[in-house]
């Protein structure tokens, strides 16, 4: 019986040593092979900045139209350009600082913070210098972003905009606030992109609380359609009117539908020279 007890005791000691070695071994493995952590990729600029290029020539063209003879032959394209230019001009001024801050982020590398999030810090000058702090955080099913801006002597770490997108960065949203002096929601942005077809869309919506145009929007997209591969849908909330514009990015011909302006729901077309033509 005494010998049997010694045998059991020795076996138990071996068992304890095996367990201890296993735990020590696991701890060593974790120390030698730490998890690889990389910062999230910044979403493309096209998820924040709308493309107005095809209609920006309107301002130059209209200033050189002279006696309006040419304008009379380009009414369909011209009316489309007016609607796009309205949003373009309004947003160029209002979004100057947020856009500059977002675009500049691509020129800098982030540092990881103690909470696991990533921070880009830099400065931009739009009239005066602003210090930018962009924070990105990878969560279970999405990536979140917050852009804080500071201006010496006026404000510090003002949350100018924030947003989220899914992990593959194929869809997401932004909320842009007004400047620090008004500090309320201004613009809602929704976006989608298809990397394989190089297509996508971007929608700006007025979300100013109590504003008469709250709910108005401009919606831009690129598609795989062979006839008209670009579009704008522009909704005027005050007039409850939707203008639909489609055109060919390469050839520049297109058409527009605007019931308030034309008094009908038909398409009205222009050719590759931007001149009015009968629709096919």
C-alpha atoms as a PDB file:
ATOM      1  CA  UNK A   1       0.000   0.000   0.000  1.00  0.00           C
ATOM      2  CA  UNK A   2       2.881   2.341   0.831  1.00  0.00           C
ATOM      3  CA  UNK A   3       4.564   1.682  -2.528  1.00  0.00           C
ATOM      4  CA  UNK A   4       1.273   2.245  -4.335  1.00  0.00           C
ATOM      5  CA  UNK A   5       0.925   5.642  -2.634  1.00  0.00           C
ATOM      6  CA  UNK A   6       4.363   6.696  -3.805  1.00  0.00           C
ATOM      7  CA  UNK A   7       3.514   5.696  -7.343  1.00  0.00           C
ATOM      8  CA  UNK A   8       0.309   7.742  -7.323  1.00  0.00           C
ATOM      9  CA  UNK A   9       2.143  10.745  -5.899  1.00  0.00           C
ATOM     10  CA  UNK A  10       4.824  10.550  -8.588  1.00  0.00           C
ATOM     11  CA  UNK A  11       2.198  10.283 -11.319  1.00  0.00           C
ATOM     12  CA  UNK A  12       0.397  13.334  -9.971  1.00  0.00           C
ATOM     13  CA  UNK A  13       3.670  15.316  -9.955  1.00  0.00           C
ATOM     14  CA  UNK A  14       4.300  14.424 -13.601  1.00  0.00           C
ATOM     15  CA  UNK A  15       0.753  15.533 -14.461  1.00  0.00           C
ATOM     16  CA  UNK A  16       1.273  18.909 -12.783  1.00  0.00           C
ATOM     17  CA  UNK A  17       4.561  19.407 -14.625  1.00  0.00           C
ATOM     18  CA  UNK A  18       2.882  18.661 -17.946  1.00  0.00           C
ATOM     19  CA  UNK A  19       0.099  21.176 -17.316  1.00  0.00           C
ATOM     20  CA  UNK A  20       2.559  23.831 -16.140  1.00  0.00           C
ATOM     21  CA  UNK A  21       4.725  23.289 -19.206  1.00  0.00           C
ATOM     22  CA  UNK A  22       1.709  23.588 -21.485  1.00  0.00           C
ATOM     23  CA  UNK A  23       0.693  26.933 -19.973  1.00  0.00           C
ATOM     24  CA  UNK A  24       4.250  28.233 -20.092  1.00  0.00           C
ATOM     25  CA  UNK A  25       4.572  27.091 -23.690  1.00  0.00           C
ATOM     26  CA  UNK A  26       1.372  28.916 -24.709  1.00  0.00           C
ATOM     27  CA  UNK A  27       2.540  32.080 -23.000  1.00  0.00           C
ATOM     28  CA  UNK A  28       5.879  31.908 -24.798  1.00  0.00           C
ATOM     29  CA  UNK A  29       4.158  31.419 -28.171  1.00  0.00           C
ATOM     30  CA  UNK A  30       2.018  34.518 -27.675  1.00  0.00           C
ATOM     31  CA  UNK A  31       5.054  36.550 -26.711  1.00  0.00           C
ATOM     32  CA  UNK A  32       7.116  35.421 -29.691  1.00  0.00           C
ATOM     33  CA  UNK A  33       4.294  35.730 -32.229  1.00  0.00           C
ATOM     34  CA  UNK A  34       2.208  38.856 -31.469  1.00  0.00           C
ATOM     35  CA  UNK A  35      -0.815  39.500 -33.704  1.00  0.00           C
ATOM     36  CA  UNK A  36      -0.135  41.631 -36.784  1.00  0.00           C
ATOM     37  CA  UNK A  37      -2.063  44.895 -36.634  1.00  0.00           C
ATOM     38  CA  UNK A  38      -2.393  47.259 -39.603  1.00  0.00           C
ATOM     39  CA  UNK A  39      -4.287  50.550 -39.922  1.00  0.00           C
ATOM     40  CA  UNK A  40      -7.518  50.703 -41.918  1.00  0.00           C
ATOM     41  CA  UNK A  41      -7.286  52.014 -45.465  1.00  0.00           C
ATOM     42  CA  UNK A  42      -8.745  55.461 -45.958  1.00  0.00           C
ATOM     43  CA  UNK A  43     -11.927  55.264 -48.046  1.00  0.00           C
ATOM     44  CA  UNK A  44     -11.418  56.712 -51.557  1.00  0.00           C
ATOM     45  CA  UNK A  45     -11.902  60.438 -52.090  1.00  0.00           C
ATOM     46  CA  UNK A  46     -14.858  59.596 -54.345  1.00  0.00           C
ATOM     47  CA  UNK A  47     -16.778  58.549 -51.214  1.00  0.00           C
ATOM     48  CA  UNK A  48     -16.689  62.133 -49.958  1.00  0.00           C
ATOM     49  CA  UNK A  49     -16.077  64.468 -52.919  1.00  0.00           C
ATOM     50  CA  UNK A  50     -18.671  64.615 -55.718  1.00  0.00           C
ATOM     51  CA  UNK A  51     -17.537  64.864 -59.347  1.00  0.00           C
ATOM     52  CA  UNK A  52     -18.887  68.047 -60.965  1.00  0.00           C
ATOM     53  CA  UNK A  53     -16.296  68.255 -63.763  1.00  0.00           C
ATOM     54  CA  UNK A  54     -18.579  67.601 -66.741  1.00  0.00           C
ATOM     55  CA  UNK A  55     -20.688  70.651 -65.930  1.00  0.00           C
ATOM     56  CA  UNK A  56     -18.151  73.080 -64.466  1.00  0.00           C
ATOM     57  CA  UNK A  57     -17.544  74.412 -67.988  1.00  0.00           C
ATOM     58  CA  UNK A  58     -21.015  75.984 -67.775  1.00  0.00           C
ATOM     59  CA  UNK A  59     -19.758  79.015 -65.840  1.00  0.00           C
ATOM     60  CA  UNK A  60     -17.105  79.776 -68.480  1.00  0.00           C
ATOM     61  CA  UNK A  61     -19.453  79.056 -71.374  1.00  0.00           C
ATOM     62  CA  UNK A  62     -22.294  81.211 -70.001  1.00  0.00           C
ATOM     63  CA  UNK A  63     -19.967  84.164 -69.429  1.00  0.00           C
ATOM     64  CA  UNK A  64     -18.901  83.990 -73.092  1.00  0.00           C
ATOM     65  CA  UNK A  65     -22.356  83.367 -74.562  1.00  0.00           C
ATOM     66  CA  UNK A  66     -22.598  86.984 -75.751  1.00  0.00           C
ATOM     67  CA  UNK A  67     -25.946  87.702 -77.379  1.00  0.00           C
ATOM     68  CA  UNK A  68     -27.489  84.451 -76.056  1.00  0.00           C
ATOM     69  CA  UNK A  69     -27.839  83.067 -79.601  1.00  0.00           C
ATOM     70  CA  UNK A  70     -25.758  80.066 -78.612  1.00  0.00           C
ATOM     71  CA  UNK A  71     -27.633  79.727 -75.334  1.00  0.00           C
ATOM     72  CA  UNK A  72     -30.891  79.273 -77.236  1.00  0.00           C
ATOM     73  CA  UNK A  73     -29.463  76.201 -78.986  1.00  0.00           C
ATOM     74  CA  UNK A  74     -28.211  74.602 -75.780  1.00  0.00           C
ATOM     75  CA  UNK A  75     -31.166  74.968 -73.428  1.00  0.00           C
ATOM     76  CA  UNK A  76     -31.395  71.318 -72.439  1.00  0.00           C
ATOM     77  CA  UNK A  77     -27.743  71.008 -71.495  1.00  0.00           C
ATOM     78  CA  UNK A  78     -27.754  74.536 -70.072  1.00  0.00           C
ATOM     79  CA  UNK A  79     -30.686  73.901 -67.746  1.00  0.00           C
ATOM     80  CA  UNK A  80     -29.002  70.734 -66.523  1.00  0.00           C
ATOM     81  CA  UNK A  81     -25.767  72.617 -65.925  1.00  0.00           C
ATOM     82  CA  UNK A  82     -27.552  75.365 -63.970  1.00  0.00           C
ATOM     83  CA  UNK A  83     -28.928  72.845 -61.489  1.00  0.00           C
ATOM     84  CA  UNK A  84     -25.580  71.113 -61.061  1.00  0.00           C
ATOM     85  CA  UNK A  85     -23.734  74.440 -60.775  1.00  0.00           C
ATOM     86  CA  UNK A  86     -26.050  75.581 -57.968  1.00  0.00           C
ATOM     87  CA  UNK A  87     -25.018  72.647 -55.784  1.00  0.00           C
ATOM     88  CA  UNK A  88     -21.405  72.842 -56.885  1.00  0.00           C
ATOM     89  CA  UNK A  89     -21.009  76.510 -55.957  1.00  0.00           C
ATOM     90  CA  UNK A  90     -22.849  76.150 -52.636  1.00  0.00           C
ATOM     91  CA  UNK A  91     -20.837  73.108 -51.586  1.00  0.00           C
ATOM     92  CA  UNK A  92     -17.481  74.400 -52.797  1.00  0.00           C
ATOM     93  CA  UNK A  93     -17.682  77.208 -50.254  1.00  0.00           C
ATOM     94  CA  UNK A  94     -19.262  75.255 -47.404  1.00  0.00           C
ATOM     95  CA  UNK A  95     -17.131  72.120 -47.753  1.00  0.00           C
ATOM     96  CA  UNK A  96     -13.808  73.813 -48.484  1.00  0.00           C
ATOM     97  CA  UNK A  97     -12.258  73.004 -45.099  1.00  0.00           C
ATOM     98  CA  UNK A  98     -13.701  69.466 -44.646  1.00  0.00           C
ATOM     99  CA  UNK A  99     -12.712  68.443 -48.186  1.00  0.00           C
ATOM    100  CA  UNK A 100      -9.192  69.839 -47.834  1.00  0.00           C
ATOM    101  CA  UNK A 101      -8.807  68.039 -44.503  1.00  0.00           C
ATOM    102  CA  UNK A 102      -9.963  64.715 -45.971  1.00  0.00           C
ATOM    103  CA  UNK A 103      -7.820  64.907 -49.116  1.00  0.00           C
ATOM    104  CA  UNK A 104      -4.679  65.813 -47.155  1.00  0.00           C
ATOM    105  CA  UNK A 105      -4.990  62.681 -44.987  1.00  0.00           C
ATOM    106  CA  UNK A 106      -3.788  60.551 -47.911  1.00  0.00           C
ATOM    107  CA  UNK A 107      -0.367  62.229 -47.657  1.00  0.00           C
ATOM    108  CA  UNK A 108       0.273  61.078 -44.083  1.00  0.00           C
ATOM    109  CA  UNK A 109       0.795  57.882 -42.084  1.00  0.00           C
ATOM    110  CA  UNK A 110      -1.194  57.116 -38.919  1.00  0.00           C
ATOM    111  CA  UNK A 111      -0.084  56.197 -35.410  1.00  0.00           C
ATOM    112  CA  UNK A 112      -1.909  53.634 -33.299  1.00  0.00           C
ATOM    113  CA  UNK A 113      -3.443  54.852 -30.048  1.00  0.00           C
ATOM    114  CA  UNK A 114      -3.642  52.934 -26.770  1.00  0.00           C
ATOM    115  CA  UNK A 115      -7.286  52.013 -27.373  1.00  0.00           C
ATOM    116  CA  UNK A 116      -6.353  50.317 -30.673  1.00  0.00           C
ATOM    117  CA  UNK A 117      -7.693  53.061 -32.943  1.00  0.00           C
ATOM    118  CA  UNK A 118      -5.517  54.857 -35.506  1.00  0.00           C
ATOM    119  CA  UNK A 119      -4.862  58.578 -35.718  1.00  0.00           C
ATOM    120  CA  UNK A 120      -3.697  60.776 -38.595  1.00  0.00           C
ATOM    121  CA  UNK A 121      -2.452  64.230 -37.557  1.00  0.00           C
ATOM    122  CA  UNK A 122      -1.461  67.066 -39.893  1.00  0.00           C
ATOM    123  CA  UNK A 123      -2.493  70.585 -40.868  1.00  0.00           C
ATOM    124  CA  UNK A 124      -4.151  72.213 -43.886  1.00  0.00           C
ATOM    125  CA  UNK A 125      -4.441  75.823 -44.929  1.00  0.00           C
ATOM    126  CA  UNK A 126      -7.741  77.107 -46.292  1.00  0.00           C
ATOM    127  CA  UNK A 127      -7.365  80.829 -45.834  1.00  0.00           C
ATOM    128  CA  UNK A 128      -5.881  80.087 -42.412  1.00  0.00           C
ATOM    129  CA  UNK A 129      -4.236  77.008 -40.949  1.00  0.00           C
ATOM    130  CA  UNK A 130      -6.333  74.237 -39.415  1.00  0.00           C
ATOM    131  CA  UNK A 131      -4.914  71.332 -37.422  1.00  0.00           C
ATOM    132  CA  UNK A 132      -6.548  68.015 -38.328  1.00  0.00           C
ATOM    133  CA  UNK A 133      -6.946  64.860 -36.280  1.00  0.00           C
ATOM    134  CA  UNK A 134      -8.568  61.970 -38.137  1.00  0.00           C
ATOM    135  CA  UNK A 135      -9.342  58.898 -36.026  1.00  0.00           C
ATOM    136  CA  UNK A 136     -10.171  55.536 -37.604  1.00  0.00           C
ATOM    137  CA  UNK A 137     -11.324  52.497 -35.666  1.00  0.00           C
ATOM    138  CA  UNK A 138     -11.832  48.958 -36.986  1.00  0.00           C
ATOM    139  CA  UNK A 139     -14.804  47.355 -35.285  1.00  0.00           C
ATOM    140  CA  UNK A 140     -16.440  43.951 -35.699  1.00  0.00           C
ATOM    141  CA  UNK A 141     -18.340  44.629 -38.925  1.00  0.00           C
ATOM    142  CA  UNK A 142     -17.347  48.158 -39.908  1.00  0.00           C
ATOM    143  CA  UNK A 143     -14.782  50.928 -39.815  1.00  0.00           C
ATOM    144  CA  UNK A 144     -15.664  54.225 -38.131  1.00  0.00           C
ATOM    145  CA  UNK A 145     -14.079  57.627 -38.786  1.00  0.00           C
ATOM    146  CA  UNK A 146     -14.072  60.944 -36.919  1.00  0.00           C
ATOM    147  CA  UNK A 147     -12.434  64.150 -38.162  1.00  0.00           C
ATOM    148  CA  UNK A 148     -11.565  66.723 -35.495  1.00  0.00           C
ATOM    149  CA  UNK A 149     -10.319  70.160 -36.500  1.00  0.00           C
ATOM    150  CA  UNK A 150      -8.724  72.931 -34.481  1.00  0.00           C
ATOM    151  CA  UNK A 151      -8.069  76.576 -35.302  1.00  0.00           C
ATOM    152  CA  UNK A 152      -5.713  78.503 -33.079  1.00  0.00           C
ATOM    153  CA  UNK A 153      -7.477  80.993 -30.845  1.00  0.00           C
ATOM    154  CA  UNK A 154     -10.979  79.917 -31.948  1.00  0.00           C
ATOM    155  CA  UNK A 155     -11.772  76.236 -31.399  1.00  0.00           C
ATOM    156  CA  UNK A 156     -10.136  72.931 -30.475  1.00  0.00           C
ATOM    157  CA  UNK A 157     -11.034  69.383 -31.543  1.00  0.00           C
ATOM    158  CA  UNK A 158     -14.314  70.317 -33.198  1.00  0.00           C
ATOM    159  CA  UNK A 159     -15.943  67.197 -34.693  1.00  0.00           C
ATOM    160  CA  UNK A 160     -16.512  68.460 -38.238  1.00  0.00           C
ATOM    161  CA  UNK A 161     -17.604  65.132 -39.682  1.00  0.00           C
ATOM    162  CA  UNK A 162     -17.821  61.430 -38.937  1.00  0.00           C
ATOM    163  CA  UNK A 163     -18.747  58.296 -40.830  1.00  0.00           C
ATOM    164  CA  UNK A 164     -18.759  54.525 -41.111  1.00  0.00           C
ATOM    165  CA  UNK A 165     -18.376  51.947 -43.861  1.00  0.00           C
ATOM    166  CA  UNK A 166     -18.397  48.180 -44.158  1.00  0.00           C
ATOM    167  CA  UNK A 167     -15.129  46.239 -43.989  1.00  0.00           C
ATOM    168  CA  UNK A 168     -14.677  45.855 -47.781  1.00  0.00           C
ATOM    169  CA  UNK A 169     -15.370  49.606 -48.185  1.00  0.00           C
ATOM    170  CA  UNK A 170     -18.115  49.111 -50.757  1.00  0.00           C
ATOM    171  CA  UNK A 171     -20.756  51.189 -48.966  1.00  0.00           C
ATOM    172  CA  UNK A 172     -20.881  53.748 -46.211  1.00  0.00           C
ATOM    173  CA  UNK A 173     -22.026  57.135 -44.973  1.00  0.00           C
ATOM    174  CA  UNK A 174     -20.752  60.454 -43.621  1.00  0.00           C
ATOM    175  CA  UNK A 175     -22.385  63.138 -41.500  1.00  0.00           C
ATOM    176  CA  UNK A 176     -20.926  66.611 -41.992  1.00  0.00           C
ATOM    177  CA  UNK A 177     -21.570  69.284 -39.376  1.00  0.00           C
ATOM    178  CA  UNK A 178     -21.571  73.000 -39.984  1.00  0.00           C
ATOM    179  CA  UNK A 179     -18.669  75.103 -38.763  1.00  0.00           C
ATOM    180  CA  UNK A 180     -17.973  75.330 -35.043  1.00  0.00           C
ATOM    181  CA  UNK A 181     -20.020  78.537 -34.710  1.00  0.00           C
ATOM    182  CA  UNK A 182     -23.237  76.718 -35.714  1.00  0.00           C
ATOM    183  CA  UNK A 183     -22.327  73.168 -34.699  1.00  0.00           C
ATOM    184  CA  UNK A 184     -25.314  71.273 -36.074  1.00  0.00           C
ATOM    185  CA  UNK A 185     -25.768  68.598 -38.761  1.00  0.00           C
ATOM    186  CA  UNK A 186     -25.496  70.021 -42.255  1.00  0.00           C
ATOM    187  CA  UNK A 187     -24.995  67.331 -44.883  1.00  0.00           C
ATOM    188  CA  UNK A 188     -25.686  63.608 -45.000  1.00  0.00           C
ATOM    189  CA  UNK A 189     -23.561  61.624 -47.455  1.00  0.00           C
ATOM    190  CA  UNK A 190     -24.316  58.093 -48.655  1.00  0.00           C
ATOM    191  CA  UNK A 191     -22.036  56.177 -51.011  1.00  0.00           C
ATOM    192  CA  UNK A 192     -21.595  52.872 -52.817  1.00  0.00           C
ATOM    193  CA  UNK A 193     -18.790  51.575 -55.021  1.00  0.00           C
ATOM    194  CA  UNK A 194     -18.151  48.499 -57.141  1.00  0.00           C
ATOM    195  CA  UNK A 195     -14.429  47.978 -57.565  1.00  0.00           C
ATOM    196  CA  UNK A 196     -14.735  45.319 -60.271  1.00  0.00           C
ATOM    197  CA  UNK A 197     -16.849  47.527 -62.580  1.00  0.00           C
ATOM    198  CA  UNK A 198     -15.301  50.861 -61.516  1.00  0.00           C
ATOM    199  CA  UNK A 199     -18.784  52.257 -60.840  1.00  0.00           C
ATOM    200  CA  UNK A 200     -20.413  53.882 -57.846  1.00  0.00           C
ATOM    201  CA  UNK A 201     -22.696  56.582 -56.533  1.00  0.00           C
ATOM    202  CA  UNK A 202     -22.645  59.443 -54.058  1.00  0.00           C
ATOM    203  CA  UNK A 203     -25.606  61.277 -52.559  1.00  0.00           C
ATOM    204  CA  UNK A 204     -25.567  64.613 -50.708  1.00  0.00           C
ATOM    205  CA  UNK A 205     -28.703  65.339 -48.647  1.00  0.00           C
ATOM    206  CA  UNK A 206     -29.576  68.532 -46.766  1.00  0.00           C
ATOM    207  CA  UNK A 207     -30.083  67.512 -43.121  1.00  0.00           C
ATOM    208  CA  UNK A 208     -30.099  70.970 -41.511  1.00  0.00           C
ATOM    209  CA  UNK A 209     -32.679  70.821 -38.683  1.00  0.00           C
ATOM    210  CA  UNK A 210     -35.725  72.980 -39.423  1.00  0.00           C
ATOM    211  CA  UNK A 211     -34.414  74.104 -42.814  1.00  0.00           C
ATOM    212  CA  UNK A 212     -36.982  74.549 -45.601  1.00  0.00           C
ATOM    213  CA  UNK A 213     -34.778  72.464 -47.920  1.00  0.00           C
ATOM    214  CA  UNK A 214     -34.175  69.670 -45.403  1.00  0.00           C
ATOM    215  CA  UNK A 215     -34.504  66.490 -47.476  1.00  0.00           C
ATOM    216  CA  UNK A 216     -33.355  68.078 -50.721  1.00  0.00           C
ATOM    217  CA  UNK A 217     -30.520  66.219 -52.412  1.00  0.00           C
ATOM    218  CA  UNK A 218     -28.170  65.768 -55.342  1.00  0.00           C
ATOM    219  CA  UNK A 219     -27.402  62.169 -56.276  1.00  0.00           C
ATOM    220  CA  UNK A 220     -24.528  61.364 -58.655  1.00  0.00           C
ATOM    221  CA  UNK A 221     -23.525  58.021 -60.111  1.00  0.00           C
ATOM    222  CA  UNK A 222     -21.501  56.179 -62.719  1.00  0.00           C
ATOM    223  CA  UNK A 223     -22.933  53.026 -64.299  1.00  0.00           C
ATOM    224  CA  UNK A 224     -22.146  50.408 -66.946  1.00  0.00           C
ATOM    225  CA  UNK A 225     -24.952  51.626 -69.235  1.00  0.00           C
ATOM    226  CA  UNK A 226     -23.612  52.002 -72.790  1.00  0.00           C
ATOM    227  CA  UNK A 227     -25.785  54.984 -73.798  1.00  0.00           C
ATOM    228  CA  UNK A 228     -25.707  57.129 -70.657  1.00  0.00           C
ATOM    229  CA  UNK A 229     -23.159  56.055 -68.066  1.00  0.00           C
ATOM    230  CA  UNK A 230     -23.396  59.076 -65.748  1.00  0.00           C
ATOM    231  CA  UNK A 231     -26.366  60.604 -63.939  1.00  0.00           C
ATOM    232  CA  UNK A 232     -27.529  63.256 -61.500  1.00  0.00           C
ATOM    233  CA  UNK A 233     -30.860  63.214 -59.710  1.00  0.00           C
ATOM    234  CA  UNK A 234     -31.517  66.608 -58.116  1.00  0.00           C
ATOM    235  CA  UNK A 235     -34.457  66.982 -55.753  1.00  0.00           C
ATOM    236  CA  UNK A 236     -35.658  70.461 -54.783  1.00  0.00           C
ATOM    237  CA  UNK A 237     -37.552  69.994 -51.514  1.00  0.00           C
ATOM    238  CA  UNK A 238     -39.176  73.443 -51.525  1.00  0.00           C
ATOM    239  CA  UNK A 239     -40.633  72.894 -55.001  1.00  0.00           C
ATOM    240  CA  UNK A 240     -41.116  69.139 -54.533  1.00  0.00           C
ATOM    241  CA  UNK A 241     -39.465  68.691 -57.927  1.00  0.00           C
ATOM    242  CA  UNK A 242     -37.062  66.040 -59.182  1.00  0.00           C
ATOM    243  CA  UNK A 243     -34.744  66.788 -62.111  1.00  0.00           C
ATOM    244  CA  UNK A 244     -33.154  63.726 -63.721  1.00  0.00           C
ATOM    245  CA  UNK A 245     -30.027  64.151 -65.843  1.00  0.00           C
ATOM    246  CA  UNK A 246     -28.202  61.410 -67.751  1.00  0.00           C
ATOM    247  CA  UNK A 247     -25.275  61.728 -70.146  1.00  0.00           C
ATOM    248  CA  UNK A 248     -22.460  59.860 -71.864  1.00  0.00           C
ATOM    249  CA  UNK A 249     -19.171  60.534 -70.116  1.00  0.00           C
ATOM    250  CA  UNK A 250     -17.081  60.085 -73.268  1.00  0.00           C
ATOM    251  CA  UNK A 251     -19.268  61.653 -75.961  1.00  0.00           C
ATOM    252  CA  UNK A 252     -21.023  64.264 -73.724  1.00  0.00           C
ATOM    253  CA  UNK A 253     -24.477  63.818 -75.276  1.00  0.00           C
ATOM    254  CA  UNK A 254     -27.332  63.397 -72.834  1.00  0.00           C
ATOM    255  CA  UNK A 255     -30.887  64.173 -71.791  1.00  0.00           C
ATOM    256  CA  UNK A 256     -32.830  65.755 -68.960  1.00  0.00           C
ATOM    257  CA  UNK A 257     -36.277  65.310 -67.435  1.00  0.00           C
ATOM    258  CA  UNK A 258     -37.665  68.198 -65.345  1.00  0.00           C
ATOM    259  CA  UNK A 259     -41.436  68.568 -65.041  1.00  0.00           C
ATOM    260  CA  UNK A 260     -41.352  71.999 -63.398  1.00  0.00           C
ATOM    261  CA  UNK A 261     -39.235  73.528 -66.143  1.00  0.00           C
ATOM    262  CA  UNK A 262     -40.588  71.751 -69.230  1.00  0.00           C
ATOM    263  CA  UNK A 263     -44.175  71.205 -68.124  1.00  0.00           C
ATOM    264  CA  UNK A 264     -44.034  67.514 -69.047  1.00  0.00           C
ATOM    265  CA  UNK A 265     -42.387  64.269 -67.994  1.00  0.00           C
ATOM    266  CA  UNK A 266     -40.547  63.667 -71.281  1.00  0.00           C
ATOM    267  CA  UNK A 267     -36.813  63.448 -71.853  1.00  0.00           C
ATOM    268  CA  UNK A 268     -35.221  66.470 -73.549  1.00  0.00           C
ATOM    269  CA  UNK A 269     -31.933  65.763 -75.324  1.00  0.00           C
ATOM    270  CA  UNK A 270     -28.651  67.339 -76.420  1.00  0.00           C
ATOM    271  CA  UNK A 271     -25.982  66.038 -78.802  1.00  0.00           C
ATOM    272  CA  UNK A 272     -22.204  65.700 -78.568  1.00  0.00           C
ATOM    273  CA  UNK A 273     -21.875  69.452 -79.243  1.00  0.00           C
ATOM    274  CA  UNK A 274     -24.312  70.144 -76.370  1.00  0.00           C
ATOM    275  CA  UNK A 275     -26.903  71.438 -78.878  1.00  0.00           C
ATOM    276  CA  UNK A 276     -30.610  70.669 -78.446  1.00  0.00           C
ATOM    277  CA  UNK A 277     -31.838  67.745 -80.565  1.00  0.00           C
ATOM    278  CA  UNK A 278     -34.953  65.615 -80.780  1.00  0.00           C
ATOM    279  CA  UNK A 279     -34.718  62.587 -78.552  1.00  0.00           C
ATOM    280  CA  UNK A 280     -34.506  59.214 -80.319  1.00  0.00           C
END
